[in-house]
Amino acid sequence: MNMLEEYINFEKNNILLFAKEVLSTLFDEEIFLKLLNSYIDNRYYNYYGNNETNVEENVFIHLKKVFDKLNEDLDDESKEKLTEMYMIFNYVLCFDEVNNLKDKTLVKLLCDYRKDLFGITDGIFQENITKFIINTKKKRSKFFDYFNTNEFYLEKYSTTKDYLIDVELKYSINFPKIYSEYAIDRVFNESDINEDKLFVEYYLLTRMIIKDIKACIFNRFYLIEFAVSLFEDKERLDKLLLVASNDLFKSQTIFKINYNDYVNYGSRIKDLIRDGYKFAIDIGEENIDDDYILMSIFEYVIISNKSKYCNEIGENDKIIMINDR
């Protein structure tokens, strides 16, 4: 199951129902979905975002393009609906928690908007939209509860890039004292168990990514483990990649491998890169003859503090170190 896809579809449906409730007879689902798809692309995937515009500006820049294109071929009645469906995204941004607005304030604004639009004060609408907003927030919380676990958590480590965070799955399971810490760690890192850990790690990371995107943070990226042993088991690999197949997950994460992994599975790794996955290669303190090739293939080259490449960290954006590991 791809939880990022599930969550974005969940929010997309919330917005669809929200607009339908507010606009009533001025709602046209076929037209609205074309605007909504543009909204999702820019609000959640940030496909066309840059450092010079905020999320709200970016959303409306691209909504206006869709609006103008649709407006060319519609009759007068449909143009009126289109205009109101375009305008409703001012309130969608509040409902979708881009703008920090209290629920009561949003409900009042919506009631005022409806009064201007239809010329009536509608108590039933006020009651319905208030319940809908409250229930949507409860459903969001319930969705995040799906990820809750007392046994595992993600440890975060800084890197030499402020925007790049290394994560590692940790456990908080109370084992009997008879088992040594060494034995526990050895079992926890056995090959098959290590592969299963990745499923837990990716799901927990999915929650972090959703929280980032809900807070309009698109410039935070995560380094995560990848088990090349999965290349020997297509079914398990496909299952893992299903968790990571969403474009948002691909854009916010970088798989880590070591140099031996690249030597043994270089062609398979390149296939995944062509599929949109990003990789970083950890060379530690090794001196690599084909380092220029690695720079062209991988997002980052991870080194240790004993590497000869240390003096290039400030000059080469691809060379990084992970702190406190």
C-alpha atoms as a PDB file:
ATOM      1  CA  MET A   1       0.000   0.000   0.000  1.00  0.00           C
ATOM      2  CA  ASN A   2       1.284   3.479  -0.882  1.00  0.00           C
ATOM      3  CA  MET A   3       0.254   5.632   2.066  1.00  0.00           C
ATOM      4  CA  LEU A   4       1.309   8.890   0.433  1.00  0.00           C
ATOM      5  CA  GLU A   5      -0.988   8.168  -2.498  1.00  0.00           C
ATOM      6  CA  GLU A   6      -3.753   7.236  -0.065  1.00  0.00           C
ATOM      7  CA  TYR A   7      -3.324  10.431   1.916  1.00  0.00           C
ATOM      8  CA  ILE A   8      -3.274  12.756  -1.088  1.00  0.00           C
ATOM      9  CA  ASN A   9      -6.390  11.069  -2.501  1.00  0.00           C
ATOM     10  CA  PHE A  10      -7.992  11.442   0.923  1.00  0.00           C
ATOM     11  CA  GLU A  11      -7.316  15.192   0.944  1.00  0.00           C
ATOM     12  CA  LYS A  12      -8.383  15.523  -2.684  1.00  0.00           C
ATOM     13  CA  ASN A  13     -11.744  13.977  -1.852  1.00  0.00           C
ATOM     14  CA  ASN A  14     -12.085  16.236   1.204  1.00  0.00           C
ATOM     15  CA  ILE A  15     -11.608  19.314  -0.988  1.00  0.00           C
ATOM     16  CA  LEU A  16     -14.074  18.007  -3.567  1.00  0.00           C
ATOM     17  CA  LEU A  17     -16.772  17.561  -0.892  1.00  0.00           C
ATOM     18  CA  PHE A  18     -15.919  20.925   0.671  1.00  0.00           C
ATOM     19  CA  ALA A  19     -16.349  22.800  -2.615  1.00  0.00           C
ATOM     20  CA  LYS A  20     -19.559  20.928  -3.401  1.00  0.00           C
ATOM     21  CA  GLU A  21     -21.032  21.890  -0.029  1.00  0.00           C
ATOM     22  CA  VAL A  22     -20.073  25.549  -0.349  1.00  0.00           C
ATOM     23  CA  LEU A  23     -20.985  26.141  -3.995  1.00  0.00           C
ATOM     24  CA  SER A  24     -24.191  24.082  -4.166  1.00  0.00           C
ATOM     25  CA  THR A  25     -25.829  24.700  -7.566  1.00  0.00           C
ATOM     26  CA  LEU A  26     -22.734  26.491  -8.894  1.00  0.00           C
ATOM     27  CA  PHE A  27     -20.648  23.342  -8.539  1.00  0.00           C
ATOM     28  CA  ASP A  28     -19.703  21.361 -11.641  1.00  0.00           C
ATOM     29  CA  GLU A  29     -17.592  18.314 -10.778  1.00  0.00           C
ATOM     30  CA  GLU A  30     -16.113  17.821 -14.244  1.00  0.00           C
ATOM     31  CA  ILE A  31     -14.831  21.402 -14.413  1.00  0.00           C
ATOM     32  CA  PHE A  32     -13.814  21.521 -10.760  1.00  0.00           C
ATOM     33  CA  LEU A  33     -11.659  18.397 -11.012  1.00  0.00           C
ATOM     34  CA  LYS A  34      -9.500  20.083 -13.656  1.00  0.00           C
ATOM     35  CA  LEU A  35      -8.836  22.946 -11.255  1.00  0.00           C
ATOM     36  CA  LEU A  36      -8.376  20.541  -8.361  1.00  0.00           C
ATOM     37  CA  ASN A  37      -5.785  18.464 -10.206  1.00  0.00           C
ATOM     38  CA  SER A  38      -3.726  21.616 -10.727  1.00  0.00           C
ATOM     39  CA  TYR A  39      -4.116  22.461  -7.042  1.00  0.00           C
ATOM     40  CA  ILE A  40      -2.909  18.998  -5.945  1.00  0.00           C
ATOM     41  CA  ASP A  41       0.074  19.156  -8.324  1.00  0.00           C
ATOM     42  CA  ASN A  42       1.234  22.419  -6.779  1.00  0.00           C
ATOM     43  CA  ARG A  43       0.027  22.177  -3.171  1.00  0.00           C
ATOM     44  CA  TYR A  44       1.246  18.629  -2.530  1.00  0.00           C
ATOM     45  CA  TYR A  45       3.750  17.723  -5.212  1.00  0.00           C
ATOM     46  CA  ASN A  46       5.153  21.237  -5.696  1.00  0.00           C
ATOM     47  CA  TYR A  47       5.825  20.295  -9.332  1.00  0.00           C
ATOM     48  CA  TYR A  48       6.422  23.868 -10.442  1.00  0.00           C
ATOM     49  CA  GLY A  49       7.488  25.456  -7.171  1.00  0.00           C
ATOM     50  CA  ASN A  50      10.584  27.560  -6.667  1.00  0.00           C
ATOM     51  CA  ASN A  51      12.237  29.568  -3.921  1.00  0.00           C
ATOM     52  CA  GLU A  52      10.796  32.841  -5.194  1.00  0.00           C
ATOM     53  CA  THR A  53       7.099  32.034  -4.667  1.00  0.00           C
ATOM     54  CA  ASN A  54       5.227  30.655  -1.693  1.00  0.00           C
ATOM     55  CA  VAL A  55       2.726  27.810  -1.943  1.00  0.00           C
ATOM     56  CA  GLU A  56      -0.323  30.072  -2.157  1.00  0.00           C
ATOM     57  CA  GLU A  57       1.157  32.165  -4.974  1.00  0.00           C
ATOM     58  CA  ASN A  58       2.308  29.073  -6.824  1.00  0.00           C
ATOM     59  CA  VAL A  59      -1.123  27.459  -6.559  1.00  0.00           C
ATOM     60  CA  PHE A  60      -2.881  30.484  -8.036  1.00  0.00           C
ATOM     61  CA  ILE A  61      -0.320  31.069 -10.765  1.00  0.00           C
ATOM     62  CA  HIS A  62      -1.137  27.641 -12.173  1.00  0.00           C
ATOM     63  CA  LEU A  63      -4.843  27.678 -11.316  1.00  0.00           C
ATOM     64  CA  LYS A  64      -5.139  30.856 -13.377  1.00  0.00           C
ATOM     65  CA  LYS A  65      -3.591  29.100 -16.369  1.00  0.00           C
ATOM     66  CA  VAL A  66      -6.160  26.288 -16.109  1.00  0.00           C
ATOM     67  CA  PHE A  67      -8.941  28.841 -15.565  1.00  0.00           C
ATOM     68  CA  ASP A  68      -7.988  30.831 -18.682  1.00  0.00           C
ATOM     69  CA  LYS A  69      -7.815  27.721 -20.836  1.00  0.00           C
ATOM     70  CA  LEU A  70     -11.182  26.405 -19.644  1.00  0.00           C
ATOM     71  CA  ASN A  71     -12.818  29.820 -19.962  1.00  0.00           C
ATOM     72  CA  GLU A  72     -12.162  29.933 -23.708  1.00  0.00           C
ATOM     73  CA  ASP A  73     -14.667  27.189 -24.577  1.00  0.00           C
ATOM     74  CA  LEU A  74     -17.480  27.550 -22.011  1.00  0.00           C
ATOM     75  CA  ASP A  75     -20.939  29.095 -22.332  1.00  0.00           C
ATOM     76  CA  ASP A  76     -21.953  31.991 -20.059  1.00  0.00           C
ATOM     77  CA  GLU A  77     -23.599  29.779 -17.423  1.00  0.00           C
ATOM     78  CA  SER A  78     -20.561  27.513 -17.196  1.00  0.00           C
ATOM     79  CA  LYS A  79     -18.236  30.527 -17.101  1.00  0.00           C
ATOM     80  CA  GLU A  80     -20.073  31.786 -14.018  1.00  0.00           C
ATOM     81  CA  LYS A  81     -19.605  28.412 -12.348  1.00  0.00           C
ATOM     82  CA  LEU A  82     -15.955  28.313 -13.361  1.00  0.00           C
ATOM     83  CA  THR A  83     -15.340  31.747 -11.833  1.00  0.00           C
ATOM     84  CA  GLU A  84     -16.804  30.728  -8.487  1.00  0.00           C
ATOM     85  CA  MET A  85     -15.002  27.369  -8.510  1.00  0.00           C
ATOM     86  CA  TYR A  86     -11.765  29.237  -9.144  1.00  0.00           C
ATOM     87  CA  MET A  87     -12.482  31.712  -6.331  1.00  0.00           C
ATOM     88  CA  ILE A  88     -13.339  28.937  -3.862  1.00  0.00           C
ATOM     89  CA  PHE A  89      -9.664  27.950  -3.721  1.00  0.00           C
ATOM     90  CA  ASN A  90      -9.062  31.008  -1.529  1.00  0.00           C
ATOM     91  CA  TYR A  91     -11.076  29.113   1.079  1.00  0.00           C
ATOM     92  CA  VAL A  92      -9.679  25.705   0.125  1.00  0.00           C
ATOM     93  CA  LEU A  93      -6.232  26.948   1.162  1.00  0.00           C
ATOM     94  CA  CYS A  94      -7.635  27.660   4.621  1.00  0.00           C
ATOM     95  CA  PHE A  95      -9.550  24.378   4.816  1.00  0.00           C
ATOM     96  CA  ASP A  96      -6.380  22.549   3.721  1.00  0.00           C
ATOM     97  CA  GLU A  97      -4.430  24.290   6.509  1.00  0.00           C
ATOM     98  CA  VAL A  98      -2.096  26.251   4.258  1.00  0.00           C
ATOM     99  CA  ASN A  99      -3.310  29.427   5.941  1.00  0.00           C
ATOM    100  CA  ASN A 100      -3.454  29.355   9.730  1.00  0.00           C
ATOM    101  CA  LEU A 101      -7.106  30.257  10.227  1.00  0.00           C
ATOM    102  CA  LYS A 102      -9.379  29.232  13.080  1.00  0.00           C
ATOM    103  CA  ASP A 103     -12.335  27.032  12.185  1.00  0.00           C
ATOM    104  CA  LYS A 104     -14.866  29.591  13.432  1.00  0.00           C
ATOM    105  CA  THR A 105     -13.278  32.304  11.325  1.00  0.00           C
ATOM    106  CA  LEU A 106     -13.336  30.112   8.225  1.00  0.00           C
ATOM    107  CA  VAL A 107     -16.996  29.218   8.787  1.00  0.00           C
ATOM    108  CA  LYS A 108     -17.904  32.912   9.138  1.00  0.00           C
ATOM    109  CA  LEU A 109     -16.051  33.780   5.933  1.00  0.00           C
ATOM    110  CA  LEU A 110     -17.835  30.969   4.109  1.00  0.00           C
ATOM    111  CA  CYS A 111     -21.240  32.087   5.383  1.00  0.00           C
ATOM    112  CA  ASP A 112     -20.520  35.663   4.280  1.00  0.00           C
ATOM    113  CA  TYR A 113     -19.384  34.386   0.890  1.00  0.00           C
ATOM    114  CA  ARG A 114     -22.567  32.350   0.499  1.00  0.00           C
ATOM    115  CA  LYS A 115     -24.689  35.344   1.498  1.00  0.00           C
ATOM    116  CA  ASP A 116     -23.056  37.456  -1.227  1.00  0.00           C
ATOM    117  CA  LEU A 117     -23.355  34.598  -3.719  1.00  0.00           C
ATOM    118  CA  PHE A 118     -26.940  33.466  -3.116  1.00  0.00           C
ATOM    119  CA  GLY A 119     -28.418  36.399  -1.183  1.00  0.00           C
ATOM    120  CA  ILE A 120     -29.447  34.297   1.811  1.00  0.00           C
ATOM    121  CA  THR A 121     -28.359  33.566   5.356  1.00  0.00           C
ATOM    122  CA  ASP A 122     -28.294  29.791   5.581  1.00  0.00           C
ATOM    123  CA  GLY A 123     -28.235  28.337   9.102  1.00  0.00           C
ATOM    124  CA  ILE A 124     -28.317  24.768   7.829  1.00  0.00           C
ATOM    125  CA  PHE A 125     -25.210  25.390   5.718  1.00  0.00           C
ATOM    126  CA  GLN A 126     -23.389  26.871   8.707  1.00  0.00           C
ATOM    127  CA  GLU A 127     -24.189  23.783  10.765  1.00  0.00           C
ATOM    128  CA  ASN A 128     -23.237  21.363   7.999  1.00  0.00           C
ATOM    129  CA  ILE A 129     -19.947  23.014   7.039  1.00  0.00           C
ATOM    130  CA  THR A 130     -18.922  23.311  10.709  1.00  0.00           C
ATOM    131  CA  LYS A 131     -19.503  19.572  11.214  1.00  0.00           C
ATOM    132  CA  PHE A 132     -17.694  18.771   7.986  1.00  0.00           C
ATOM    133  CA  ILE A 133     -14.580  20.780   8.940  1.00  0.00           C
ATOM    134  CA  ILE A 134     -14.473  19.226  12.434  1.00  0.00           C
ATOM    135  CA  ASN A 135     -14.989  15.689  11.104  1.00  0.00           C
ATOM    136  CA  THR A 136     -12.285  16.156   8.458  1.00  0.00           C
ATOM    137  CA  LYS A 137      -9.785  17.130  11.161  1.00  0.00           C
ATOM    138  CA  LYS A 138     -10.716  14.025  13.142  1.00  0.00           C
ATOM    139  CA  LYS A 139     -10.198  11.849  10.051  1.00  0.00           C
ATOM    140  CA  ARG A 140      -6.767  13.435   9.490  1.00  0.00           C
ATOM    141  CA  SER A 141      -5.771  12.596  13.056  1.00  0.00           C
ATOM    142  CA  LYS A 142      -7.059   9.063  12.645  1.00  0.00           C
ATOM    143  CA  PHE A 143      -4.998   8.676   9.474  1.00  0.00           C
ATOM    144  CA  PHE A 144      -1.821   9.632  11.317  1.00  0.00           C
ATOM    145  CA  ASP A 145      -2.719   7.281  14.169  1.00  0.00           C
ATOM    146  CA  TYR A 146      -2.327   4.467  11.644  1.00  0.00           C
ATOM    147  CA  PHE A 147       1.444   5.045  11.795  1.00  0.00           C
ATOM    148  CA  ASN A 148       1.708   5.057  15.588  1.00  0.00           C
ATOM    149  CA  THR A 149       4.026   2.475  17.089  1.00  0.00           C
ATOM    150  CA  ASN A 150       5.630   2.110  20.509  1.00  0.00           C
ATOM    151  CA  GLU A 151       8.221  -0.372  19.256  1.00  0.00           C
ATOM    152  CA  PHE A 152      10.002   1.634  16.549  1.00  0.00           C
ATOM    153  CA  TYR A 153      11.064   5.201  15.870  1.00  0.00           C
ATOM    154  CA  LEU A 154      13.293   7.084  13.450  1.00  0.00           C
ATOM    155  CA  GLU A 155      16.571   8.489  14.714  1.00  0.00           C
ATOM    156  CA  LYS A 156      17.593  11.603  12.786  1.00  0.00           C
ATOM    157  CA  TYR A 157      21.167  12.705  12.082  1.00  0.00           C
ATOM    158  CA  SER A 158      22.291  15.970  10.591  1.00  0.00           C
ATOM    159  CA  THR A 159      24.579  16.181   7.578  1.00  0.00           C
ATOM    160  CA  THR A 160      26.831  18.831   6.108  1.00  0.00           C
ATOM    161  CA  LYS A 161      23.745  20.006   4.176  1.00  0.00           C
ATOM    162  CA  ASP A 162      21.200  21.767   6.403  1.00  0.00           C
ATOM    163  CA  TYR A 163      18.303  20.546   4.289  1.00  0.00           C
ATOM    164  CA  LEU A 164      19.441  16.908   4.192  1.00  0.00           C
ATOM    165  CA  ILE A 165      18.653  14.555   7.105  1.00  0.00           C
ATOM    166  CA  ASP A 166      19.852  10.989   7.573  1.00  0.00           C
ATOM    167  CA  VAL A 167      17.337   8.663   9.238  1.00  0.00           C
ATOM    168  CA  GLU A 168      17.766   5.269  10.859  1.00  0.00           C
ATOM    169  CA  LEU A 169      15.139   2.929  12.256  1.00  0.00           C
ATOM    170  CA  LYS A 170      15.577   2.240  15.971  1.00  0.00           C
ATOM    171  CA  TYR A 171      13.684  -0.050  18.302  1.00  0.00           C
ATOM    172  CA  SER A 172      12.415   0.509  21.823  1.00  0.00           C
ATOM    173  CA  ILE A 173      11.549  -3.079  22.614  1.00  0.00           C
ATOM    174  CA  ASN A 174      12.250  -4.323  26.130  1.00  0.00           C
ATOM    175  CA  PHE A 175      14.128  -7.613  25.783  1.00  0.00           C
ATOM    176  CA  PRO A 176      14.837  -9.885  28.765  1.00  0.00           C
ATOM    177  CA  LYS A 177      18.196  -9.135  30.390  1.00  0.00           C
ATOM    178  CA  ILE A 178      19.471 -12.590  29.472  1.00  0.00           C
ATOM    179  CA  TYR A 179      19.979 -11.347  25.921  1.00  0.00           C
ATOM    180  CA  SER A 180      23.043  -9.223  25.387  1.00  0.00           C
ATOM    181  CA  GLU A 181      22.877  -5.954  23.487  1.00  0.00           C
ATOM    182  CA  TYR A 182      25.272  -7.425  20.935  1.00  0.00           C
ATOM    183  CA  ALA A 183      22.991 -10.415  20.333  1.00  0.00           C
ATOM    184  CA  ILE A 184      19.932  -8.221  19.985  1.00  0.00           C
ATOM    185  CA  ASP A 185      21.643  -5.909  17.493  1.00  0.00           C
ATOM    186  CA  ARG A 186      22.946  -8.885  15.533  1.00  0.00           C
ATOM    187  CA  VAL A 187      19.470 -10.412  15.237  1.00  0.00           C
ATOM    188  CA  PHE A 188      17.918  -7.021  14.457  1.00  0.00           C
ATOM    189  CA  ASN A 189      20.352  -6.596  11.575  1.00  0.00           C
ATOM    190  CA  GLU A 190      20.101 -10.089  10.073  1.00  0.00           C
ATOM    191  CA  SER A 191      19.533  -9.914   6.316  1.00  0.00           C
ATOM    192  CA  ASP A 192      15.837 -10.890   6.200  1.00  0.00           C
ATOM    193  CA  ILE A 193      14.969  -8.857   9.259  1.00  0.00           C
ATOM    194  CA  ASN A 194      16.924  -5.898   7.891  1.00  0.00           C
ATOM    195  CA  GLU A 195      14.795  -5.999   4.735  1.00  0.00           C
ATOM    196  CA  ASP A 196      11.612  -6.083   6.809  1.00  0.00           C
ATOM    197  CA  LYS A 197      12.899  -3.115   8.809  1.00  0.00           C
ATOM    198  CA  LEU A 198      12.855  -1.078   5.633  1.00  0.00           C
ATOM    199  CA  PHE A 199       9.092  -1.456   5.331  1.00  0.00           C
ATOM    200  CA  VAL A 200       8.666  -0.049   8.834  1.00  0.00           C
ATOM    201  CA  GLU A 201      11.219   2.684   8.153  1.00  0.00           C
ATOM    202  CA  TYR A 202       9.556   3.775   4.916  1.00  0.00           C
ATOM    203  CA  TYR A 203       6.102   3.901   6.487  1.00  0.00           C
ATOM    204  CA  LEU A 204       7.367   5.989   9.396  1.00  0.00           C
ATOM    205  CA  LEU A 205       9.191   8.236   6.951  1.00  0.00           C
ATOM    206  CA  THR A 206       5.983   8.602   4.940  1.00  0.00           C
ATOM    207  CA  ARG A 207       4.388  10.153   8.012  1.00  0.00           C
ATOM    208  CA  MET A 208       7.267  12.615   8.340  1.00  0.00           C
ATOM    209  CA  ILE A 209       7.003  13.576   4.669  1.00  0.00           C
ATOM    210  CA  ILE A 210       3.249  14.171   4.932  1.00  0.00           C
ATOM    211  CA  LYS A 211       3.780  16.380   7.986  1.00  0.00           C
ATOM    212  CA  ASP A 212       6.433  18.350   6.089  1.00  0.00           C
ATOM    213  CA  ILE A 213       4.177  18.852   3.078  1.00  0.00           C
ATOM    214  CA  LYS A 214       1.187  19.807   5.230  1.00  0.00           C
ATOM    215  CA  ALA A 215       3.451  22.466   6.752  1.00  0.00           C
ATOM    216  CA  CYS A 216       4.472  23.549   3.196  1.00  0.00           C
ATOM    217  CA  ILE A 217       8.052  22.359   3.722  1.00  0.00           C
ATOM    218  CA  PHE A 218       9.383  21.108   0.389  1.00  0.00           C
ATOM    219  CA  ASN A 219      13.101  21.740   0.905  1.00  0.00           C
ATOM    220  CA  ARG A 220      13.751  18.999   3.468  1.00  0.00           C
ATOM    221  CA  PHE A 221      15.143  15.696   2.183  1.00  0.00           C
ATOM    222  CA  TYR A 222      15.902  12.355   3.808  1.00  0.00           C
ATOM    223  CA  LEU A 223      18.675   9.800   3.375  1.00  0.00           C
ATOM    224  CA  ILE A 224      17.318   6.283   3.914  1.00  0.00           C
ATOM    225  CA  GLU A 225      18.677   2.752   3.821  1.00  0.00           C
ATOM    226  CA  PHE A 226      18.260   0.428   0.851  1.00  0.00           C
ATOM    227  CA  ALA A 227      18.965  -3.334   0.965  1.00  0.00           C
ATOM    228  CA  VAL A 228      20.503  -4.503  -2.316  1.00  0.00           C
ATOM    229  CA  SER A 229      19.782  -8.065  -1.200  1.00  0.00           C
ATOM    230  CA  LEU A 230      16.231  -7.325  -2.349  1.00  0.00           C
ATOM    231  CA  PHE A 231      17.474  -7.484  -5.932  1.00  0.00           C
ATOM    232  CA  GLU A 232      17.532 -11.269  -5.413  1.00  0.00           C
ATOM    233  CA  ASP A 233      13.825 -11.340  -4.521  1.00  0.00           C
ATOM    234  CA  LYS A 234      11.694  -9.473  -7.057  1.00  0.00           C
ATOM    235  CA  GLU A 235       8.446  -9.957  -5.142  1.00  0.00           C
ATOM    236  CA  ARG A 236       9.828  -8.408  -1.949  1.00  0.00           C
ATOM    237  CA  LEU A 237      11.551  -5.638  -3.900  1.00  0.00           C
ATOM    238  CA  ASP A 238       8.321  -4.755  -5.728  1.00  0.00           C
ATOM    239  CA  LYS A 239       6.470  -4.732  -2.420  1.00  0.00           C
ATOM    240  CA  LEU A 240       8.996  -2.344  -0.892  1.00  0.00           C
ATOM    241  CA  LEU A 241       9.049  -0.073  -3.927  1.00  0.00           C
ATOM    242  CA  LEU A 242       5.259   0.120  -3.828  1.00  0.00           C
ATOM    243  CA  VAL A 243       5.625   1.946  -0.517  1.00  0.00           C
ATOM    244  CA  ALA A 244       8.131   4.317  -2.143  1.00  0.00           C
ATOM    245  CA  SER A 245       6.625   4.658  -5.624  1.00  0.00           C
ATOM    246  CA  ASN A 246       4.762   7.941  -5.142  1.00  0.00           C
ATOM    247  CA  ASP A 247       6.424  10.940  -6.851  1.00  0.00           C
ATOM    248  CA  LEU A 248       6.411  12.835  -3.566  1.00  0.00           C
ATOM    249  CA  PHE A 249       8.319  10.060  -1.787  1.00  0.00           C
ATOM    250  CA  LYS A 250      10.786   9.906  -4.674  1.00  0.00           C
ATOM    251  CA  SER A 251      11.394  13.653  -4.599  1.00  0.00           C
ATOM    252  CA  GLN A 252      11.953  13.879  -0.825  1.00  0.00           C
ATOM    253  CA  THR A 253      14.123  10.784  -0.271  1.00  0.00           C
ATOM    254  CA  ILE A 254      17.511   9.444  -1.331  1.00  0.00           C
ATOM    255  CA  PHE A 255      18.406   5.762  -0.984  1.00  0.00           C
ATOM    256  CA  LYS A 256      21.825   4.991   0.520  1.00  0.00           C
ATOM    257  CA  ILE A 257      24.122   2.252  -0.745  1.00  0.00           C
ATOM    258  CA  ASN A 258      27.840   1.567  -0.334  1.00  0.00           C
ATOM    259  CA  TYR A 259      30.516   1.235  -3.018  1.00  0.00           C
ATOM    260  CA  ASN A 260      30.447  -2.586  -3.015  1.00  0.00           C
ATOM    261  CA  ASP A 261      26.694  -2.459  -3.615  1.00  0.00           C
ATOM    262  CA  TYR A 262      27.348  -0.315  -6.670  1.00  0.00           C
ATOM    263  CA  VAL A 263      30.048  -2.672  -7.954  1.00  0.00           C
ATOM    264  CA  ASN A 264      27.767  -5.706  -7.600  1.00  0.00           C
ATOM    265  CA  TYR A 265      24.424  -4.193  -8.619  1.00  0.00           C
ATOM    266  CA  GLY A 266      25.326  -1.106 -10.636  1.00  0.00           C
ATOM    267  CA  SER A 267      23.009  -1.838 -13.567  1.00  0.00           C
ATOM    268  CA  ARG A 268      20.026  -2.567 -11.297  1.00  0.00           C
ATOM    269  CA  ILE A 269      20.628   0.625  -9.339  1.00  0.00           C
ATOM    270  CA  LYS A 270      20.804   2.627 -12.572  1.00  0.00           C
ATOM    271  CA  ASP A 271      17.468   1.110 -13.617  1.00  0.00           C
ATOM    272  CA  LEU A 272      15.879   2.448 -10.434  1.00  0.00           C
ATOM    273  CA  ILE A 273      17.466   5.849 -10.999  1.00  0.00           C
ATOM    274  CA  ARG A 274      15.898   5.900 -14.472  1.00  0.00           C
ATOM    275  CA  ASP A 275      12.569   5.127 -12.756  1.00  0.00           C
ATOM    276  CA  GLY A 276      12.904   8.329 -10.748  1.00  0.00           C
ATOM    277  CA  TYR A 277      14.479   7.057  -7.522  1.00  0.00           C
ATOM    278  CA  LYS A 278      17.469   8.947  -6.149  1.00  0.00           C
ATOM    279  CA  PHE A 279      20.577   7.331  -4.672  1.00  0.00           C
ATOM    280  CA  ALA A 280      23.567   8.391  -2.597  1.00  0.00           C
ATOM    281  CA  ILE A 281      26.728   6.274  -2.435  1.00  0.00           C
ATOM    282  CA  ASP A 282      28.714   5.913   0.773  1.00  0.00           C
ATOM    283  CA  ILE A 283      32.444   5.504   0.060  1.00  0.00           C
ATOM    284  CA  GLY A 284      33.640   6.167   3.611  1.00  0.00           C
ATOM    285  CA  GLU A 285      37.359   6.938   3.503  1.00  0.00           C
ATOM    286  CA  GLU A 286      38.055   5.004   0.290  1.00  0.00           C
ATOM    287  CA  ASN A 287      39.795   6.624  -2.657  1.00  0.00           C
ATOM    288  CA  ILE A 288      37.804   5.852  -5.778  1.00  0.00           C
ATOM    289  CA  ASP A 289      39.383   5.933  -9.225  1.00  0.00           C
ATOM    290  CA  ASP A 290      36.097   6.573 -11.026  1.00  0.00           C
ATOM    291  CA  ASP A 291      34.863   9.262  -8.620  1.00  0.00           C
ATOM    292  CA  TYR A 292      33.864  11.546 -11.516  1.00  0.00           C
ATOM    293  CA  ILE A 293      31.468   8.811 -12.720  1.00  0.00           C
ATOM    294  CA  LEU A 294      29.971   8.497  -9.246  1.00  0.00           C
ATOM    295  CA  MET A 295      29.395  12.254  -9.168  1.00  0.00           C
ATOM    296  CA  SER A 296      27.386  12.051 -12.372  1.00  0.00           C
ATOM    297  CA  ILE A 297      25.269   9.063 -11.302  1.00  0.00           C
ATOM    298  CA  PHE A 298      24.470   9.765  -7.657  1.00  0.00           C
ATOM    299  CA  GLU A 299      22.739  12.639  -5.895  1.00  0.00           C
ATOM    300  CA  TYR A 300      25.406  12.622  -3.181  1.00  0.00           C
ATOM    301  CA  VAL A 301      28.691  10.924  -2.348  1.00  0.00           C
ATOM    302  CA  ILE A 302      28.927  10.248   1.392  1.00  0.00           C
ATOM    303  CA  ILE A 303      32.409  10.306   2.917  1.00  0.00           C
ATOM    304  CA  SER A 304      33.949   9.904   6.369  1.00  0.00           C
ATOM    305  CA  ASN A 305      35.985  12.533   8.181  1.00  0.00           C
ATOM    306  CA  LYS A 306      39.157  10.639   7.175  1.00  0.00           C
ATOM    307  CA  SER A 307      38.478  10.852   3.464  1.00  0.00           C
ATOM    308  CA  LYS A 308      40.758  12.714   1.068  1.00  0.00           C
ATOM    309  CA  TYR A 309      37.601  14.351  -0.321  1.00  0.00           C
ATOM    310  CA  CYS A 310      36.942  16.290   2.902  1.00  0.00           C
ATOM    311  CA  ASN A 311      38.478  19.466   1.529  1.00  0.00           C
ATOM    312  CA  GLU A 312      35.996  19.361  -1.352  1.00  0.00           C
ATOM    313  CA  ILE A 313      32.858  19.507   0.807  1.00  0.00           C
ATOM    314  CA  GLY A 314      32.578  23.278   0.497  1.00  0.00           C
ATOM    315  CA  GLU A 315      33.356  23.241  -3.216  1.00  0.00           C
ATOM    316  CA  ASN A 316      31.448  20.199  -4.476  1.00  0.00           C
ATOM    317  CA  ASP A 317      27.744  20.162  -3.605  1.00  0.00           C
ATOM    318  CA  LYS A 318      27.560  16.409  -4.085  1.00  0.00           C
ATOM    319  CA  ILE A 319      30.076  15.501  -1.375  1.00  0.00           C
ATOM    320  CA  ILE A 320      28.599  15.240   2.130  1.00  0.00           C
ATOM    321  CA  MET A 321      29.277  13.808   5.571  1.00  0.00           C
ATOM    322  CA  ILE A 322      26.745  12.458   8.053  1.00  0.00           C
ATOM    323  CA  ASN A 323      27.242  13.889  11.537  1.00  0.00           C
ATOM    324  CA  ASP A 324      27.196  11.913  14.815  1.00  0.00           C
ATOM    325  CA  ARG A 325      26.831   8.444  13.279  1.00  0.00           C
END
